[in-house]
Amino acid sequence: MPNIVLVNPEIPPNTGNIARTCAATGTPLHLVMPLGFELSDKYLKRAGLDYWPHVDLYLHESIQAFWQYIQNQTGRLIGFSARIEAYNSQNYTDILYQADDWLLFGKESQGLSPDIIERCDVVATIPMKPGHVRSLNLSVSAAVGLFEALRQTAANDAN
């Protein structure tokens, strides 16, 4: 099962919506602090509704604590970024996902920092029509990436 990692999320409803998606799919959710809100925030709870008890939630005090945690884990780090030109990114559908991948998403205002992207094994991008939109909503991006990973890994499990 892939893991979703939110690094310094800022907007409570996005995190709540992602938590709901994780509860629906049985996907572990990792939140890397600092967060832009309190976990007791009413907007966070409203977006996650009553699904929070069903979320396999991990809190990491910092990015350093997260790096230390994953030292004992398997799987690749796949960072999602809207900055296609800045990184050697791949279309998210061209990546061959594995069941133990870690899907990393950055904060809404800035995405993943360059030092985090450097540590990723793969950088994924979700294509968008050029124009007025800089990026997709964080909860949409996380769902799109997760469901592609689940689709592929379920197909691999069936073979």
N, C-alpha and C. Protein backbone atom coordinates (compact mmCIF):
# COMPACT_ATOMS: atom_id res chain seq x y z
N MET A 1 0.85 -1.18 0.00
CA MET A 1 0.00 0.00 0.00
C MET A 1 0.89 1.24 0.00
N PRO A 2 0.71 2.12 -0.99
CA PRO A 2 1.47 3.37 -0.97
C PRO A 2 1.12 4.20 0.28
N ASN A 3 1.98 5.14 0.59
CA ASN A 3 1.76 6.09 1.69
C ASN A 3 1.63 7.48 1.11
N ILE A 4 0.75 8.28 1.69
CA ILE A 4 0.64 9.70 1.34
C ILE A 4 1.38 10.48 2.41
N VAL A 5 2.22 11.42 1.96
CA VAL A 5 2.99 12.27 2.88
C VAL A 5 2.69 13.72 2.53
N LEU A 6 2.17 14.46 3.49
CA LEU A 6 1.94 15.89 3.31
C LEU A 6 2.99 16.64 4.12
N VAL A 7 3.83 17.38 3.43
CA VAL A 7 4.90 18.13 4.08
C VAL A 7 4.42 19.56 4.31
N ASN A 8 4.22 19.91 5.57
CA ASN A 8 3.82 21.25 6.00
C ASN A 8 2.53 21.76 5.35
N PRO A 9 1.47 20.95 5.34
CA PRO A 9 0.22 21.44 4.74
C PRO A 9 -0.28 22.67 5.49
N GLU A 10 -0.94 23.56 4.76
CA GLU A 10 -1.36 24.85 5.32
C GLU A 10 -2.87 25.01 5.45
N ILE A 11 -3.65 24.32 4.66
CA ILE A 11 -5.09 24.57 4.58
C ILE A 11 -5.85 23.37 5.15
N PRO A 12 -6.54 23.58 6.27
CA PRO A 12 -7.21 22.45 6.95
C PRO A 12 -8.15 21.63 6.07
N PRO A 13 -9.02 22.24 5.25
CA PRO A 13 -9.93 21.41 4.46
C PRO A 13 -9.20 20.49 3.48
N ASN A 14 -8.07 20.93 2.94
CA ASN A 14 -7.32 20.05 2.04
C ASN A 14 -6.85 18.81 2.78
N THR A 15 -6.27 19.01 3.95
CA THR A 15 -5.79 17.87 4.73
C THR A 15 -6.95 16.98 5.16
N GLY A 16 -8.06 17.58 5.52
CA GLY A 16 -9.24 16.79 5.89
C GLY A 16 -9.76 15.97 4.72
N ASN A 17 -9.78 16.56 3.54
CA ASN A 17 -10.23 15.81 2.36
C ASN A 17 -9.28 14.67 2.03
N ILE A 18 -7.98 14.91 2.16
CA ILE A 18 -7.00 13.86 1.90
C ILE A 18 -7.13 12.76 2.95
N ALA A 19 -7.37 13.13 4.19
CA ALA A 19 -7.57 12.12 5.24
C ALA A 19 -8.78 11.26 4.92
N ARG A 20 -9.82 11.87 4.41
CA ARG A 20 -11.03 11.12 4.04
C ARG A 20 -10.71 10.13 2.91
N THR A 21 -9.93 10.57 1.92
CA THR A 21 -9.51 9.69 0.83
C THR A 21 -8.67 8.54 1.37
N CYS A 22 -7.79 8.85 2.30
CA CYS A 22 -6.95 7.80 2.91
C CYS A 22 -7.80 6.81 3.69
N ALA A 23 -8.79 7.29 4.40
CA ALA A 23 -9.68 6.39 5.15
C ALA A 23 -10.44 5.49 4.18
N ALA A 24 -10.87 6.05 3.05
CA ALA A 24 -11.65 5.27 2.08
C ALA A 24 -10.82 4.21 1.39
N THR A 25 -9.51 4.42 1.30
CA THR A 25 -8.65 3.50 0.56
C THR A 25 -7.75 2.66 1.47
N GLY A 26 -7.74 2.96 2.77
CA GLY A 26 -6.85 2.26 3.69
C GLY A 26 -5.40 2.69 3.54
N THR A 27 -5.18 3.88 3.03
CA THR A 27 -3.83 4.40 2.79
C THR A 27 -3.30 5.13 4.01
N PRO A 28 -2.10 4.80 4.48
CA PRO A 28 -1.51 5.56 5.58
C PRO A 28 -1.26 7.02 5.18
N LEU A 29 -1.52 7.92 6.12
CA LEU A 29 -1.31 9.35 5.91
C LEU A 29 -0.26 9.84 6.89
N HIS A 30 0.77 10.47 6.36
CA HIS A 30 1.85 11.04 7.16
C HIS A 30 1.79 12.55 7.05
N LEU A 31 1.73 13.22 8.19
CA LEU A 31 1.76 14.68 8.23
C LEU A 31 3.09 15.11 8.82
N VAL A 32 3.81 15.93 8.07
CA VAL A 32 5.10 16.44 8.52
C VAL A 32 4.90 17.86 9.01
N MET A 33 5.23 18.10 10.27
CA MET A 33 5.07 19.41 10.88
C MET A 33 6.25 20.32 10.52
N PRO A 34 6.07 21.62 10.62
CA PRO A 34 4.90 22.29 11.18
C PRO A 34 3.72 22.30 10.21
N LEU A 35 2.53 22.27 10.79
CA LEU A 35 1.30 22.36 10.03
C LEU A 35 0.81 23.81 10.10
N GLY A 36 0.05 24.21 9.13
CA GLY A 36 -0.49 25.57 9.11
C GLY A 36 -1.79 25.69 9.88
N PHE A 37 -2.08 24.74 10.75
CA PHE A 37 -3.33 24.70 11.49
C PHE A 37 -3.15 23.75 12.66
N GLU A 38 -4.12 23.75 13.54
CA GLU A 38 -4.15 22.80 14.66
C GLU A 38 -4.92 21.56 14.21
N LEU A 39 -4.51 20.42 14.68
CA LEU A 39 -5.24 19.20 14.31
C LEU A 39 -6.66 19.20 14.82
N SER A 40 -6.94 20.04 15.78
CA SER A 40 -8.31 20.12 16.30
C SER A 40 -9.15 21.15 15.53
N ASP A 41 -8.57 21.77 14.52
CA ASP A 41 -9.25 22.81 13.74
C ASP A 41 -10.60 22.31 13.24
N LYS A 42 -11.64 23.13 13.42
CA LYS A 42 -13.00 22.71 13.03
C LYS A 42 -13.12 22.47 11.53
N TYR A 43 -12.36 23.20 10.71
CA TYR A 43 -12.42 23.00 9.27
C TYR A 43 -11.77 21.68 8.86
N LEU A 44 -10.72 21.31 9.56
CA LEU A 44 -10.07 20.04 9.32
C LEU A 44 -11.03 18.90 9.65
N LYS A 45 -11.65 18.99 10.79
CA LYS A 45 -12.58 17.94 11.21
C LYS A 45 -13.80 17.89 10.30
N ARG A 46 -14.29 19.07 9.87
CA ARG A 46 -15.46 19.10 9.00
C ARG A 46 -15.14 18.42 7.66
N ALA A 47 -13.97 18.71 7.09
CA ALA A 47 -13.60 18.11 5.81
C ALA A 47 -13.40 16.60 5.94
N GLY A 48 -12.83 16.16 7.07
CA GLY A 48 -12.61 14.73 7.28
C GLY A 48 -13.83 14.04 7.83
N LEU A 49 -14.83 14.84 8.21
CA LEU A 49 -16.06 14.35 8.80
C LEU A 49 -15.75 13.39 9.95
N ASP A 50 -16.44 12.29 10.00
CA ASP A 50 -16.23 11.36 11.10
C ASP A 50 -15.29 10.22 10.71
N TYR A 51 -14.46 10.45 9.69
CA TYR A 51 -13.57 9.41 9.20
C TYR A 51 -12.22 9.39 9.90
N TRP A 52 -11.91 10.40 10.69
CA TRP A 52 -10.58 10.48 11.32
C TRP A 52 -10.21 9.23 12.11
N PRO A 53 -11.14 8.59 12.84
CA PRO A 53 -10.75 7.37 13.56
C PRO A 53 -10.32 6.23 12.63
N HIS A 54 -10.66 6.34 11.34
CA HIS A 54 -10.34 5.28 10.39
C HIS A 54 -9.10 5.59 9.55
N VAL A 55 -8.41 6.67 9.90
CA VAL A 55 -7.21 7.07 9.18
C VAL A 55 -5.99 6.52 9.92
N ASP A 56 -5.13 5.84 9.18
CA ASP A 56 -3.86 5.35 9.71
C ASP A 56 -2.89 6.54 9.67
N LEU A 57 -2.93 7.36 10.72
CA LEU A 57 -2.27 8.67 10.75
C LEU A 57 -0.94 8.61 11.49
N TYR A 58 0.08 9.21 10.88
CA TYR A 58 1.40 9.34 11.48
C TYR A 58 1.78 10.81 11.49
N LEU A 59 2.23 11.30 12.63
CA LEU A 59 2.69 12.68 12.74
C LEU A 59 4.21 12.68 12.91
N HIS A 60 4.87 13.52 12.16
CA HIS A 60 6.32 13.65 12.24
C HIS A 60 6.64 15.09 12.63
N GLU A 61 7.43 15.26 13.67
CA GLU A 61 7.72 16.59 14.22
C GLU A 61 8.43 17.53 13.26
N SER A 62 9.12 16.96 12.27
CA SER A 62 9.88 17.78 11.32
C SER A 62 10.22 16.91 10.11
N ILE A 63 10.75 17.54 9.08
CA ILE A 63 11.17 16.76 7.93
C ILE A 63 12.34 15.86 8.30
N GLN A 64 13.19 16.32 9.21
CA GLN A 64 14.31 15.47 9.66
C GLN A 64 13.78 14.23 10.37
N ALA A 65 12.75 14.39 11.19
CA ALA A 65 12.15 13.23 11.88
C ALA A 65 11.54 12.27 10.86
N PHE A 66 10.94 12.81 9.80
CA PHE A 66 10.39 11.96 8.75
C PHE A 66 11.51 11.19 8.04
N TRP A 67 12.62 11.88 7.69
CA TRP A 67 13.74 11.19 7.03
C TRP A 67 14.26 10.05 7.91
N GLN A 68 14.35 10.32 9.20
CA GLN A 68 14.81 9.28 10.13
C GLN A 68 13.84 8.10 10.15
N TYR A 69 12.54 8.40 10.15
CA TYR A 69 11.52 7.35 10.18
C TYR A 69 11.62 6.44 8.96
N ILE A 70 11.79 7.02 7.78
CA ILE A 70 11.76 6.19 6.58
C ILE A 70 13.07 5.43 6.33
N GLN A 71 14.09 5.71 7.12
CA GLN A 71 15.34 4.94 6.98
C GLN A 71 15.09 3.45 7.18
N ASN A 72 14.13 3.12 8.00
CA ASN A 72 13.82 1.72 8.30
C ASN A 72 12.66 1.18 7.46
N GLN A 73 12.28 1.92 6.43
CA GLN A 73 11.16 1.54 5.58
C GLN A 73 11.66 1.21 4.17
N THR A 74 10.84 0.52 3.42
CA THR A 74 11.16 0.26 2.02
C THR A 74 10.37 1.21 1.15
N GLY A 75 10.69 1.26 -0.11
CA GLY A 75 9.92 2.04 -1.06
C GLY A 75 10.62 3.29 -1.55
N ARG A 76 10.17 3.75 -2.69
CA ARG A 76 10.73 4.94 -3.32
C ARG A 76 9.98 6.19 -2.86
N LEU A 77 10.68 7.29 -2.90
CA LEU A 77 10.07 8.59 -2.64
C LEU A 77 9.68 9.20 -3.98
N ILE A 78 8.40 9.47 -4.14
CA ILE A 78 7.91 10.09 -5.37
C ILE A 78 7.34 11.45 -4.99
N GLY A 79 8.06 12.49 -5.39
CA GLY A 79 7.63 13.85 -5.09
C GLY A 79 6.77 14.39 -6.21
N PHE A 80 5.65 14.98 -5.85
CA PHE A 80 4.77 15.58 -6.84
C PHE A 80 5.03 17.08 -6.90
N SER A 81 5.19 17.60 -8.11
CA SER A 81 5.50 19.02 -8.29
C SER A 81 4.81 19.56 -9.54
N ALA A 82 4.37 20.80 -9.45
CA ALA A 82 3.81 21.49 -10.62
C ALA A 82 4.92 22.16 -11.42
N ARG A 83 6.13 22.19 -10.89
CA ARG A 83 7.26 22.86 -11.55
C ARG A 83 7.94 21.93 -12.55
N ILE A 84 7.32 21.74 -13.68
CA ILE A 84 7.81 20.81 -14.70
C ILE A 84 9.20 21.21 -15.18
N GLU A 85 9.38 22.49 -15.44
CA GLU A 85 10.64 22.96 -16.02
C GLU A 85 11.80 22.93 -15.03
N ALA A 86 11.52 22.95 -13.76
CA ALA A 86 12.58 23.03 -12.76
C ALA A 86 13.19 21.66 -12.43
N TYR A 87 12.47 20.61 -12.66
CA TYR A 87 12.93 19.28 -12.28
C TYR A 87 12.79 18.33 -13.46
N ASN A 88 13.52 17.27 -13.42
CA ASN A 88 13.40 16.23 -14.44
C ASN A 88 12.19 15.38 -14.09
N SER A 89 11.01 15.94 -14.28
CA SER A 89 9.80 15.26 -13.83
C SER A 89 9.23 14.37 -14.92
N GLN A 90 8.39 13.45 -14.47
CA GLN A 90 7.69 12.54 -15.37
C GLN A 90 6.19 12.72 -15.18
N ASN A 91 5.45 12.52 -16.25
CA ASN A 91 4.01 12.50 -16.14
C ASN A 91 3.63 11.41 -15.13
N TYR A 92 2.74 11.71 -14.23
CA TYR A 92 2.40 10.75 -13.16
C TYR A 92 1.88 9.43 -13.70
N THR A 93 1.31 9.40 -14.91
CA THR A 93 0.81 8.15 -15.47
C THR A 93 1.92 7.32 -16.12
N ASP A 94 3.08 7.92 -16.35
CA ASP A 94 4.20 7.20 -16.95
C ASP A 94 5.06 6.48 -15.92
N ILE A 95 4.82 6.74 -14.66
CA ILE A 95 5.58 6.12 -13.58
C ILE A 95 5.02 4.73 -13.32
N LEU A 96 5.89 3.75 -13.13
CA LEU A 96 5.45 2.41 -12.75
C LEU A 96 5.49 2.34 -11.22
N TYR A 97 4.34 2.47 -10.62
CA TYR A 97 4.24 2.53 -9.16
C TYR A 97 4.44 1.16 -8.53
N GLN A 98 4.95 1.19 -7.32
CA GLN A 98 5.14 -0.02 -6.53
C GLN A 98 4.33 0.13 -5.25
N ALA A 99 3.96 -0.99 -4.67
CA ALA A 99 3.07 -0.98 -3.51
C ALA A 99 3.64 -0.23 -2.31
N ASP A 100 4.96 -0.13 -2.21
CA ASP A 100 5.55 0.52 -1.04
C ASP A 100 6.06 1.93 -1.32
N ASP A 101 5.58 2.56 -2.39
CA ASP A 101 5.99 3.93 -2.71
C ASP A 101 5.46 4.94 -1.69
N TRP A 102 6.19 6.02 -1.55
CA TRP A 102 5.81 7.15 -0.69
C TRP A 102 5.51 8.32 -1.62
N LEU A 103 4.27 8.81 -1.61
CA LEU A 103 3.85 9.91 -2.47
C LEU A 103 3.90 11.19 -1.64
N LEU A 104 4.85 12.07 -1.98
CA LEU A 104 5.07 13.29 -1.20
C LEU A 104 4.45 14.50 -1.89
N PHE A 105 3.77 15.31 -1.09
CA PHE A 105 3.13 16.53 -1.56
C PHE A 105 3.53 17.67 -0.63
N GLY A 106 3.83 18.82 -1.20
CA GLY A 106 4.26 19.96 -0.41
C GLY A 106 3.12 20.87 -0.01
N LYS A 107 3.49 21.92 0.70
CA LYS A 107 2.48 22.87 1.16
C LYS A 107 1.85 23.61 -0.01
N GLU A 108 0.64 24.04 0.20
CA GLU A 108 -0.16 24.64 -0.86
C GLU A 108 0.50 25.86 -1.49
N SER A 109 1.14 26.69 -0.71
CA SER A 109 1.68 27.95 -1.23
C SER A 109 2.99 27.79 -1.99
N GLN A 110 3.75 26.72 -1.73
CA GLN A 110 5.08 26.61 -2.34
C GLN A 110 5.42 25.24 -2.89
N GLY A 111 4.66 24.24 -2.59
CA GLY A 111 5.00 22.89 -3.02
C GLY A 111 6.15 22.33 -2.21
N LEU A 112 6.79 21.31 -2.75
CA LEU A 112 7.95 20.71 -2.08
C LEU A 112 9.17 21.58 -2.32
N SER A 113 9.99 21.72 -1.30
CA SER A 113 11.20 22.52 -1.43
C SER A 113 12.23 21.78 -2.29
N PRO A 114 13.17 22.51 -2.90
CA PRO A 114 14.19 21.87 -3.72
C PRO A 114 15.00 20.81 -2.96
N ASP A 115 15.28 21.02 -1.67
CA ASP A 115 16.05 20.01 -0.93
C ASP A 115 15.26 18.72 -0.73
N ILE A 116 13.95 18.82 -0.63
CA ILE A 116 13.13 17.60 -0.53
C ILE A 116 13.05 16.93 -1.89
N ILE A 117 12.86 17.70 -2.94
CA ILE A 117 12.82 17.14 -4.30
C ILE A 117 14.11 16.39 -4.60
N GLU A 118 15.24 16.93 -4.17
CA GLU A 118 16.55 16.27 -4.39
C GLU A 118 16.59 14.87 -3.80
N ARG A 119 15.90 14.65 -2.71
CA ARG A 119 15.92 13.34 -2.04
C ARG A 119 14.95 12.34 -2.68
N CYS A 120 14.09 12.84 -3.56
CA CYS A 120 13.10 11.95 -4.18
C CYS A 120 13.76 11.11 -5.28
N ASP A 121 13.29 9.90 -5.38
CA ASP A 121 13.76 8.99 -6.43
C ASP A 121 13.14 9.34 -7.78
N VAL A 122 11.93 9.86 -7.73
CA VAL A 122 11.18 10.22 -8.93
C VAL A 122 10.42 11.51 -8.62
N VAL A 123 10.31 12.38 -9.63
CA VAL A 123 9.47 13.58 -9.49
C VAL A 123 8.34 13.44 -10.50
N ALA A 124 7.12 13.52 -10.00
CA ALA A 124 5.93 13.35 -10.82
C ALA A 124 5.24 14.70 -11.03
N THR A 125 4.63 14.82 -12.17
CA THR A 125 3.82 16.00 -12.43
C THR A 125 2.49 15.56 -13.02
N ILE A 126 1.47 16.31 -12.73
CA ILE A 126 0.14 16.07 -13.30
C ILE A 126 -0.05 17.12 -14.39
N PRO A 127 -0.16 16.71 -15.63
CA PRO A 127 -0.23 17.71 -16.71
C PRO A 127 -1.48 18.57 -16.63
N MET A 128 -1.27 19.83 -16.98
CA MET A 128 -2.37 20.80 -17.01
C MET A 128 -2.23 21.61 -18.29
N LYS A 129 -3.32 22.11 -18.77
CA LYS A 129 -3.31 22.99 -19.92
C LYS A 129 -2.58 24.28 -19.53
N PRO A 130 -1.61 24.72 -20.32
CA PRO A 130 -0.90 25.96 -19.99
C PRO A 130 -1.87 27.14 -19.96
N GLY A 131 -1.60 28.06 -19.07
CA GLY A 131 -2.47 29.23 -19.00
C GLY A 131 -2.50 29.86 -17.64
N HIS A 132 -3.68 30.00 -17.13
CA HIS A 132 -3.90 30.80 -15.93
C HIS A 132 -3.77 30.02 -14.63
N VAL A 133 -3.74 28.71 -14.67
CA VAL A 133 -3.72 27.90 -13.46
C VAL A 133 -2.29 27.42 -13.19
N ARG A 134 -1.75 27.76 -12.03
CA ARG A 134 -0.38 27.38 -11.67
C ARG A 134 -0.29 25.95 -11.16
N SER A 135 -1.33 25.51 -10.45
CA SER A 135 -1.30 24.18 -9.86
C SER A 135 -2.72 23.74 -9.54
N LEU A 136 -2.85 22.45 -9.30
CA LEU A 136 -4.12 21.90 -8.86
C LEU A 136 -4.23 22.00 -7.35
N ASN A 137 -5.42 21.88 -6.84
CA ASN A 137 -5.64 21.84 -5.41
C ASN A 137 -4.91 20.63 -4.83
N LEU A 138 -4.35 20.79 -3.63
CA LEU A 138 -3.57 19.74 -2.99
C LEU A 138 -4.38 18.45 -2.83
N SER A 139 -5.62 18.55 -2.41
CA SER A 139 -6.40 17.32 -2.21
C SER A 139 -6.71 16.64 -3.53
N VAL A 140 -6.88 17.41 -4.59
CA VAL A 140 -7.09 16.82 -5.92
C VAL A 140 -5.82 16.12 -6.38
N SER A 141 -4.68 16.79 -6.25
CA SER A 141 -3.41 16.20 -6.67
C SER A 141 -3.11 14.90 -5.92
N ALA A 142 -3.33 14.91 -4.62
CA ALA A 142 -3.08 13.71 -3.82
C ALA A 142 -3.99 12.57 -4.26
N ALA A 143 -5.25 12.86 -4.51
CA ALA A 143 -6.19 11.83 -4.94
C ALA A 143 -5.82 11.28 -6.31
N VAL A 144 -5.48 12.17 -7.24
CA VAL A 144 -5.11 11.74 -8.59
C VAL A 144 -3.88 10.82 -8.52
N GLY A 145 -2.85 11.25 -7.81
CA GLY A 145 -1.63 10.43 -7.69
C GLY A 145 -1.89 9.11 -6.98
N LEU A 146 -2.63 9.16 -5.88
CA LEU A 146 -2.90 7.94 -5.12
C LEU A 146 -3.71 6.94 -5.94
N PHE A 147 -4.76 7.39 -6.60
CA PHE A 147 -5.59 6.45 -7.33
C PHE A 147 -4.87 5.83 -8.53
N GLU A 148 -3.95 6.58 -9.14
CA GLU A 148 -3.14 5.96 -10.20
C GLU A 148 -2.22 4.90 -9.60
N ALA A 149 -1.60 5.20 -8.48
CA ALA A 149 -0.73 4.21 -7.82
C ALA A 149 -1.54 2.98 -7.41
N LEU A 150 -2.72 3.18 -6.86
CA LEU A 150 -3.56 2.05 -6.46
C LEU A 150 -4.04 1.25 -7.67
N ARG A 151 -4.39 1.94 -8.74
CA ARG A 151 -4.83 1.25 -9.96
C ARG A 151 -3.71 0.33 -10.46
N GLN A 152 -2.50 0.88 -10.53
CA GLN A 152 -1.39 0.09 -11.04
C GLN A 152 -1.02 -1.05 -10.10
N THR A 153 -0.95 -0.78 -8.83
CA THR A 153 -0.52 -1.83 -7.90
C THR A 153 -1.58 -2.91 -7.76
N ALA A 154 -2.85 -2.56 -7.89
CA ALA A 154 -3.92 -3.58 -7.87
C ALA A 154 -3.81 -4.45 -9.10
N ALA A 155 -3.50 -3.85 -10.25
CA ALA A 155 -3.32 -4.61 -11.48
C ALA A 155 -2.12 -5.54 -11.36
N ASN A 156 -1.06 -5.05 -10.73
CA ASN A 156 0.13 -5.88 -10.52
C ASN A 156 -0.17 -7.03 -9.57
N ASP A 157 -0.97 -6.78 -8.55
CA ASP A 157 -1.33 -7.83 -7.59
C ASP A 157 -2.18 -8.91 -8.24
N ALA A 158 -2.98 -8.51 -9.25
CA ALA A 158 -3.87 -9.45 -9.92
C ALA A 158 -3.11 -10.39 -10.85
N ASN A 159 -1.92 -9.96 -11.27
CA ASN A 159 -1.13 -10.79 -12.22
C ASN A 159 -0.35 -11.86 -11.53
